[in-house]
PDB file of all heavy atoms in Angstrom:
ATOM      1  N   ASN A   1      -1.342  -8.079 -22.376  1.00  0.00           N
ATOM      2  CA  ASN A   1      -1.572  -8.502 -23.837  1.00  0.00           C
ATOM      3  C   ASN A   1      -1.662 -10.012 -23.935  1.00  0.00           C
ATOM      4  O   ASN A   1      -2.361 -10.520 -24.837  1.00  0.00           O
ATOM      5  CB  ASN A   1      -0.533  -7.920 -24.739  1.00  0.00           C
ATOM      6  CG  ASN A   1      -0.775  -6.456 -25.044  1.00  0.00           C
ATOM      7  OD1 ASN A   1      -1.821  -6.038 -25.522  1.00  0.00           O
ATOM      8  ND2 ASN A   1       0.193  -5.688 -24.716  1.00  0.00           N
ATOM      9  N   ALA A   2      -0.970 -10.718 -23.105  1.00  0.00           N
ATOM     10  CA  ALA A   2      -0.960 -12.212 -23.131  1.00  0.00           C
ATOM     11  C   ALA A   2      -2.365 -12.711 -22.811  1.00  0.00           C
ATOM     12  O   ALA A   2      -2.828 -13.777 -23.290  1.00  0.00           O
ATOM     13  CB  ALA A   2       0.048 -12.753 -22.220  1.00  0.00           C
ATOM     14  N   LYS A   3      -3.108 -11.965 -21.993  1.00  0.00           N
ATOM     15  CA  LYS A   3      -4.443 -12.358 -21.552  1.00  0.00           C
ATOM     16  C   LYS A   3      -5.562 -11.542 -22.290  1.00  0.00           C
ATOM     17  O   LYS A   3      -6.718 -11.758 -22.006  1.00  0.00           O
ATOM     18  CB  LYS A   3      -4.633 -12.200 -20.088  1.00  0.00           C
ATOM     19  CG  LYS A   3      -3.753 -13.170 -19.295  1.00  0.00           C
ATOM     20  CD  LYS A   3      -4.072 -13.009 -17.767  1.00  0.00           C
ATOM     21  CE  LYS A   3      -3.266 -14.045 -16.969  1.00  0.00           C
ATOM     22  NZ  LYS A   3      -3.585 -13.924 -15.498  1.00  0.00           N
ATOM     23  N   ASN A   4      -5.139 -10.696 -23.201  1.00  0.00           N
ATOM     24  CA  ASN A   4      -6.079  -9.831 -23.950  1.00  0.00           C
ATOM     25  C   ASN A   4      -7.037  -9.074 -22.939  1.00  0.00           C
ATOM     26  O   ASN A   4      -8.214  -9.051 -23.144  1.00  0.00           O
ATOM     27  CB  ASN A   4      -6.914 -10.682 -24.912  1.00  0.00           C
ATOM     28  CG  ASN A   4      -6.117 -11.076 -26.093  1.00  0.00           C
ATOM     29  OD1 ASN A   4      -4.979 -10.726 -26.274  1.00  0.00           O
ATOM     30  ND2 ASN A   4      -6.748 -11.888 -26.964  1.00  0.00           N
ATOM     31  N   THR A   5      -6.437  -8.592 -21.935  1.00  0.00           N
ATOM     32  CA  THR A   5      -7.266  -7.968 -20.817  1.00  0.00           C
ATOM     33  C   THR A   5      -6.620  -6.640 -20.362  1.00  0.00           C
ATOM     34  O   THR A   5      -5.405  -6.542 -20.246  1.00  0.00           O
ATOM     35  CB  THR A   5      -7.376  -8.949 -19.639  1.00  0.00           C
ATOM     36  OG1 THR A   5      -7.972 -10.171 -20.088  1.00  0.00           O
ATOM     37  CG2 THR A   5      -8.258  -8.306 -18.561  1.00  0.00           C
ATOM     38  N   VAL A   6      -7.527  -5.703 -20.174  1.00  0.00           N
ATOM     39  CA  VAL A   6      -7.129  -4.417 -19.554  1.00  0.00           C
ATOM     40  C   VAL A   6      -7.830  -4.256 -18.234  1.00  0.00           C
ATOM     41  O   VAL A   6      -8.948  -4.751 -18.089  1.00  0.00           O
ATOM     42  CB  VAL A   6      -7.408  -3.232 -20.495  1.00  0.00           C
ATOM     43  CG1 VAL A   6      -8.872  -3.097 -20.764  1.00  0.00           C
ATOM     44  CG2 VAL A   6      -6.775  -1.972 -19.949  1.00  0.00           C
ATOM     45  N   TYR A   7      -7.138  -3.699 -17.287  1.00  0.00           N
ATOM     46  CA  TYR A   7      -7.676  -3.610 -15.894  1.00  0.00           C
ATOM     47  C   TYR A   7      -7.764  -2.137 -15.491  1.00  0.00           C
ATOM     48  O   TYR A   7      -7.033  -1.269 -15.933  1.00  0.00           O
ATOM     49  CB  TYR A   7      -6.760  -4.335 -14.951  1.00  0.00           C
ATOM     50  CG  TYR A   7      -6.506  -5.754 -15.307  1.00  0.00           C
ATOM     51  CD1 TYR A   7      -5.400  -6.153 -15.974  1.00  0.00           C
ATOM     52  CD2 TYR A   7      -7.403  -6.789 -14.873  1.00  0.00           C
ATOM     53  CE1 TYR A   7      -5.165  -7.505 -16.333  1.00  0.00           C
ATOM     54  CE2 TYR A   7      -7.157  -8.083 -15.238  1.00  0.00           C
ATOM     55  CZ  TYR A   7      -6.073  -8.472 -15.933  1.00  0.00           C
ATOM     56  OH  TYR A   7      -5.809  -9.749 -16.278  1.00  0.00           O
ATOM     57  N   LEU A   8      -8.662  -1.905 -14.520  1.00  0.00           N
ATOM     58  CA  LEU A   8      -8.697  -0.593 -13.858  1.00  0.00           C
ATOM     59  C   LEU A   8      -8.845  -0.892 -12.367  1.00  0.00           C
ATOM     60  O   LEU A   8      -9.877  -1.309 -11.903  1.00  0.00           O
ATOM     61  CB  LEU A   8      -9.934   0.189 -14.354  1.00  0.00           C
ATOM     62  CG  LEU A   8     -10.017   1.598 -13.767  1.00  0.00           C
ATOM     63  CD1 LEU A   8      -8.895   2.499 -14.352  1.00  0.00           C
ATOM     64  CD2 LEU A   8     -11.337   2.308 -14.116  1.00  0.00           C
ATOM     65  N   GLN A   9      -7.696  -0.629 -11.705  1.00  0.00           N
ATOM     66  CA  GLN A   9      -7.688  -0.802 -10.236  1.00  0.00           C
ATOM     67  C   GLN A   9      -8.132   0.505  -9.659  1.00  0.00           C
ATOM     68  O   GLN A   9      -7.618   1.572  -9.867  1.00  0.00           O
ATOM     69  CB  GLN A   9      -6.314  -1.101  -9.738  1.00  0.00           C
ATOM     70  CG  GLN A   9      -6.122  -1.192  -8.245  1.00  0.00           C
ATOM     71  CD  GLN A   9      -6.931  -2.390  -7.659  1.00  0.00           C
ATOM     72  OE1 GLN A   9      -6.860  -3.493  -8.182  1.00  0.00           O
ATOM     73  NE2 GLN A   9      -7.645  -2.163  -6.609  1.00  0.00           N
ATOM     74  N   MET A  10      -9.233   0.456  -8.812  1.00  0.00           N
ATOM     75  CA  MET A  10      -9.793   1.638  -8.209  1.00  0.00           C
ATOM     76  C   MET A  10      -9.701   1.587  -6.756  1.00  0.00           C
ATOM     77  O   MET A  10     -10.313   0.739  -6.123  1.00  0.00           O
ATOM     78  CB  MET A  10     -11.277   1.755  -8.667  1.00  0.00           C
ATOM     79  CG  MET A  10     -11.483   1.705 -10.189  1.00  0.00           C
ATOM     80  SD  MET A  10     -13.183   2.039 -10.700  1.00  0.00           S
ATOM     81  CE  MET A  10     -13.991   0.630 -10.021  1.00  0.00           C
ATOM     82  N   ASN A  11      -8.959   2.490  -6.178  1.00  0.00           N
ATOM     83  CA  ASN A  11      -8.751   2.556  -4.719  1.00  0.00           C
ATOM     84  C   ASN A  11      -9.341   3.901  -4.202  1.00  0.00           C
ATOM     85  O   ASN A  11      -9.549   4.815  -5.037  1.00  0.00           O
ATOM     86  CB  ASN A  11      -7.336   2.492  -4.370  1.00  0.00           C
ATOM     87  CG  ASN A  11      -6.669   1.193  -4.802  1.00  0.00           C
ATOM     88  OD1 ASN A  11      -7.326   0.099  -4.801  1.00  0.00           O
ATOM     89  ND2 ASN A  11      -5.389   1.236  -5.187  1.00  0.00           N
ATOM     90  N   GLY A  12      -9.608   3.975  -2.964  1.00  0.00           N
ATOM     91  CA  GLY A  12     -10.125   5.168  -2.411  1.00  0.00           C
ATOM     92  C   GLY A  12     -11.397   5.646  -3.036  1.00  0.00           C
ATOM     93  O   GLY A  12     -11.566   6.847  -3.292  1.00  0.00           O
ATOM     94  N   LEU A  13     -12.273   4.750  -3.301  1.00  0.00           N
ATOM     95  CA  LEU A  13     -13.540   5.086  -4.038  1.00  0.00           C
ATOM     96  C   LEU A  13     -14.383   6.056  -3.218  1.00  0.00           C
ATOM     97  O   LEU A  13     -14.438   6.023  -2.041  1.00  0.00           O
ATOM     98  CB  LEU A  13     -14.325   3.818  -4.345  1.00  0.00           C
ATOM     99  CG  LEU A  13     -13.684   3.009  -5.473  1.00  0.00           C
ATOM    100  CD1 LEU A  13     -14.269   1.579  -5.531  1.00  0.00           C
ATOM    101  CD2 LEU A  13     -14.068   3.703  -6.831  1.00  0.00           C
ATOM    102  N   LYS A  14     -15.024   6.899  -4.052  1.00  0.00           N
ATOM    103  CA  LYS A  14     -15.908   7.974  -3.475  1.00  0.00           C
ATOM    104  C   LYS A  14     -17.264   7.787  -4.057  1.00  0.00           C
ATOM    105  O   LYS A  14     -17.436   7.260  -5.144  1.00  0.00           O
ATOM    106  CB  LYS A  14     -15.346   9.340  -3.896  1.00  0.00           C
ATOM    107  CG  LYS A  14     -13.904   9.571  -3.462  1.00  0.00           C
ATOM    108  CD  LYS A  14     -13.452  10.941  -3.950  1.00  0.00           C
ATOM    109  CE  LYS A  14     -11.971  11.265  -3.606  1.00  0.00           C
ATOM    110  NZ  LYS A  14     -11.547  12.567  -4.066  1.00  0.00           N
ATOM    111  N   PRO A  15     -18.330   8.327  -3.348  1.00  0.00           N
ATOM    112  CA  PRO A  15     -19.635   8.228  -3.948  1.00  0.00           C
ATOM    113  C   PRO A  15     -19.763   8.813  -5.341  1.00  0.00           C
ATOM    114  O   PRO A  15     -20.536   8.287  -6.137  1.00  0.00           O
ATOM    115  CB  PRO A  15     -20.473   8.999  -2.946  1.00  0.00           C
ATOM    116  CG  PRO A  15     -19.772   8.775  -1.628  1.00  0.00           C
ATOM    117  CD  PRO A  15     -18.303   8.871  -2.008  1.00  0.00           C
ATOM    118  N   GLU A  16     -19.006   9.846  -5.645  1.00  0.00           N
ATOM    119  CA  GLU A  16     -19.057  10.476  -6.908  1.00  0.00           C
ATOM    120  C   GLU A  16     -18.437   9.556  -8.086  1.00  0.00           C
ATOM    121  O   GLU A  16     -18.497   9.924  -9.192  1.00  0.00           O
ATOM    122  CB  GLU A  16     -18.400  11.849  -6.923  1.00  0.00           C
ATOM    123  CG  GLU A  16     -17.033  11.880  -6.316  1.00  0.00           C
ATOM    124  CD  GLU A  16     -17.006  12.300  -4.869  1.00  0.00           C
ATOM    125  OE1 GLU A  16     -17.874  11.812  -4.094  1.00  0.00           O
ATOM    126  OE2 GLU A  16     -16.117  13.128  -4.579  1.00  0.00           O
ATOM    127  N   ASP A  17     -17.786   8.477  -7.694  1.00  0.00           N
ATOM    128  CA  ASP A  17     -17.312   7.542  -8.645  1.00  0.00           C
ATOM    129  C   ASP A  17     -18.410   6.596  -9.180  1.00  0.00           C
ATOM    130  O   ASP A  17     -18.172   5.821 -10.036  1.00  0.00           O
ATOM    131  CB  ASP A  17     -16.169   6.679  -8.079  1.00  0.00           C
ATOM    132  CG  ASP A  17     -14.948   7.525  -7.778  1.00  0.00           C
ATOM    133  OD1 ASP A  17     -14.586   8.388  -8.580  1.00  0.00           O
ATOM    134  OD2 ASP A  17     -14.306   7.292  -6.693  1.00  0.00           O
ATOM    135  N   THR A  18     -19.575   6.685  -8.523  1.00  0.00           N
ATOM    136  CA  THR A  18     -20.697   5.825  -8.919  1.00  0.00           C
ATOM    137  C   THR A  18     -21.070   6.092 -10.367  1.00  0.00           C
ATOM    138  O   THR A  18     -21.328   7.200 -10.781  1.00  0.00           O
ATOM    139  CB  THR A  18     -21.919   6.084  -8.040  1.00  0.00           C
ATOM    140  OG1 THR A  18     -21.598   5.671  -6.691  1.00  0.00           O
ATOM    141  CG2 THR A  18     -23.120   5.287  -8.525  1.00  0.00           C
ATOM    142  N   ALA A  19     -21.067   5.016 -11.190  1.00  0.00           N
ATOM    143  CA  ALA A  19     -21.367   5.185 -12.639  1.00  0.00           C
ATOM    144  C   ALA A  19     -21.323   3.807 -13.306  1.00  0.00           C
ATOM    145  O   ALA A  19     -20.919   2.789 -12.657  1.00  0.00           O
ATOM    146  CB  ALA A  19     -20.327   6.047 -13.288  1.00  0.00           C
ATOM    147  N   VAL A  20     -21.748   3.759 -14.570  1.00  0.00           N
ATOM    148  CA  VAL A  20     -21.521   2.621 -15.352  1.00  0.00           C
ATOM    149  C   VAL A  20     -20.132   2.857 -16.009  1.00  0.00           C
ATOM    150  O   VAL A  20     -19.942   3.847 -16.631  1.00  0.00           O
ATOM    151  CB  VAL A  20     -22.581   2.372 -16.395  1.00  0.00           C
ATOM    152  CG1 VAL A  20     -22.258   1.194 -17.328  1.00  0.00           C
ATOM    153  CG2 VAL A  20     -23.957   2.160 -15.719  1.00  0.00           C
ATOM    154  N   TYR A  21     -19.304   1.868 -15.894  1.00  0.00           N
ATOM    155  CA  TYR A  21     -17.928   1.946 -16.467  1.00  0.00           C
ATOM    156  C   TYR A  21     -17.829   1.123 -17.717  1.00  0.00           C
ATOM    157  O   TYR A  21     -18.198  -0.057 -17.748  1.00  0.00           O
ATOM    158  CB  TYR A  21     -16.892   1.456 -15.407  1.00  0.00           C
ATOM    159  CG  TYR A  21     -16.628   2.472 -14.359  1.00  0.00           C
ATOM    160  CD1 TYR A  21     -17.614   2.765 -13.397  1.00  0.00           C
ATOM    161  CD2 TYR A  21     -15.467   3.178 -14.302  1.00  0.00           C
ATOM    162  CE1 TYR A  21     -17.395   3.712 -12.440  1.00  0.00           C
ATOM    163  CE2 TYR A  21     -15.197   4.108 -13.315  1.00  0.00           C
ATOM    164  CZ  TYR A  21     -16.190   4.450 -12.407  1.00  0.00           C
ATOM    165  OH  TYR A  21     -15.975   5.359 -11.416  1.00  0.00           O
ATOM    166  N   TYR A  22     -17.254   1.771 -18.749  1.00  0.00           N
ATOM    167  CA  TYR A  22     -17.115   1.156 -20.065  1.00  0.00           C
ATOM    168  C   TYR A  22     -15.664   1.044 -20.486  1.00  0.00           C
ATOM    169  O   TYR A  22     -14.951   2.013 -20.226  1.00  0.00           O
ATOM    170  CB  TYR A  22     -17.875   1.943 -21.162  1.00  0.00           C
ATOM    171  CG  TYR A  22     -19.354   2.138 -20.967  1.00  0.00           C
ATOM    172  CD1 TYR A  22     -19.859   3.196 -20.245  1.00  0.00           C
ATOM    173  CD2 TYR A  22     -20.253   1.186 -21.489  1.00  0.00           C
ATOM    174  CE1 TYR A  22     -21.193   3.322 -20.023  1.00  0.00           C
ATOM    175  CE2 TYR A  22     -21.631   1.325 -21.269  1.00  0.00           C
ATOM    176  CZ  TYR A  22     -22.063   2.402 -20.552  1.00  0.00           C
ATOM    177  OH  TYR A  22     -23.432   2.539 -20.367  1.00  0.00           O
ATOM    178  N   CYS A  23     -15.272  -0.025 -21.079  1.00  0.00           N
ATOM    179  CA  CYS A  23     -13.994  -0.056 -21.709  1.00  0.00           C
ATOM    180  C   CYS A  23     -14.171   0.088 -23.216  1.00  0.00           C
ATOM    181  O   CYS A  23     -15.220  -0.202 -23.779  1.00  0.00           O
ATOM    182  CB  CYS A  23     -13.160  -1.331 -21.417  1.00  0.00           C
ATOM    183  SG  CYS A  23     -13.742  -2.821 -22.151  1.00  0.00           S
ATOM    184  N   ALA A  24     -13.078   0.549 -23.871  1.00  0.00           N
ATOM    185  CA  ALA A  24     -13.140   0.835 -25.275  1.00  0.00           C
ATOM    186  C   ALA A  24     -11.789   0.535 -25.897  1.00  0.00           C
ATOM    187  O   ALA A  24     -10.750   0.625 -25.200  1.00  0.00           O
ATOM    188  CB  ALA A  24     -13.550   2.238 -25.556  1.00  0.00           C
ATOM    189  N   ALA A  25     -11.823   0.242 -27.207  1.00  0.00           N
ATOM    190  CA  ALA A  25     -10.592  -0.085 -27.971  1.00  0.00           C
ATOM    191  C   ALA A  25     -10.515   0.672 -29.242  1.00  0.00           C
ATOM    192  O   ALA A  25     -11.508   0.949 -29.944  1.00  0.00           O
ATOM    193  CB  ALA A  25     -10.544  -1.588 -28.243  1.00  0.00           C
ATOM    194  N   ASP A  26      -9.293   1.181 -29.547  1.00  0.00           N
ATOM    195  CA  ASP A  26      -9.041   1.887 -30.778  1.00  0.00           C
ATOM    196  C   ASP A  26      -7.739   1.421 -31.378  1.00  0.00           C
ATOM    197  O   ASP A  26      -6.736   1.422 -30.653  1.00  0.00           O
ATOM    198  CB  ASP A  26      -9.033   3.424 -30.504  1.00  0.00           C
ATOM    199  CG  ASP A  26      -8.705   4.230 -31.720  1.00  0.00           C
ATOM    200  OD1 ASP A  26      -9.343   3.976 -32.752  1.00  0.00           O
ATOM    201  OD2 ASP A  26      -7.848   5.099 -31.613  1.00  0.00           O
TER     202      ASP A  26
END
């Protein structure tokens, strides 16, 4: 919250993870 940033650490990636990734806020 201090940096107003959210992260997604992705390990062990697979070909089926291929996509456009979107973040969203509510």
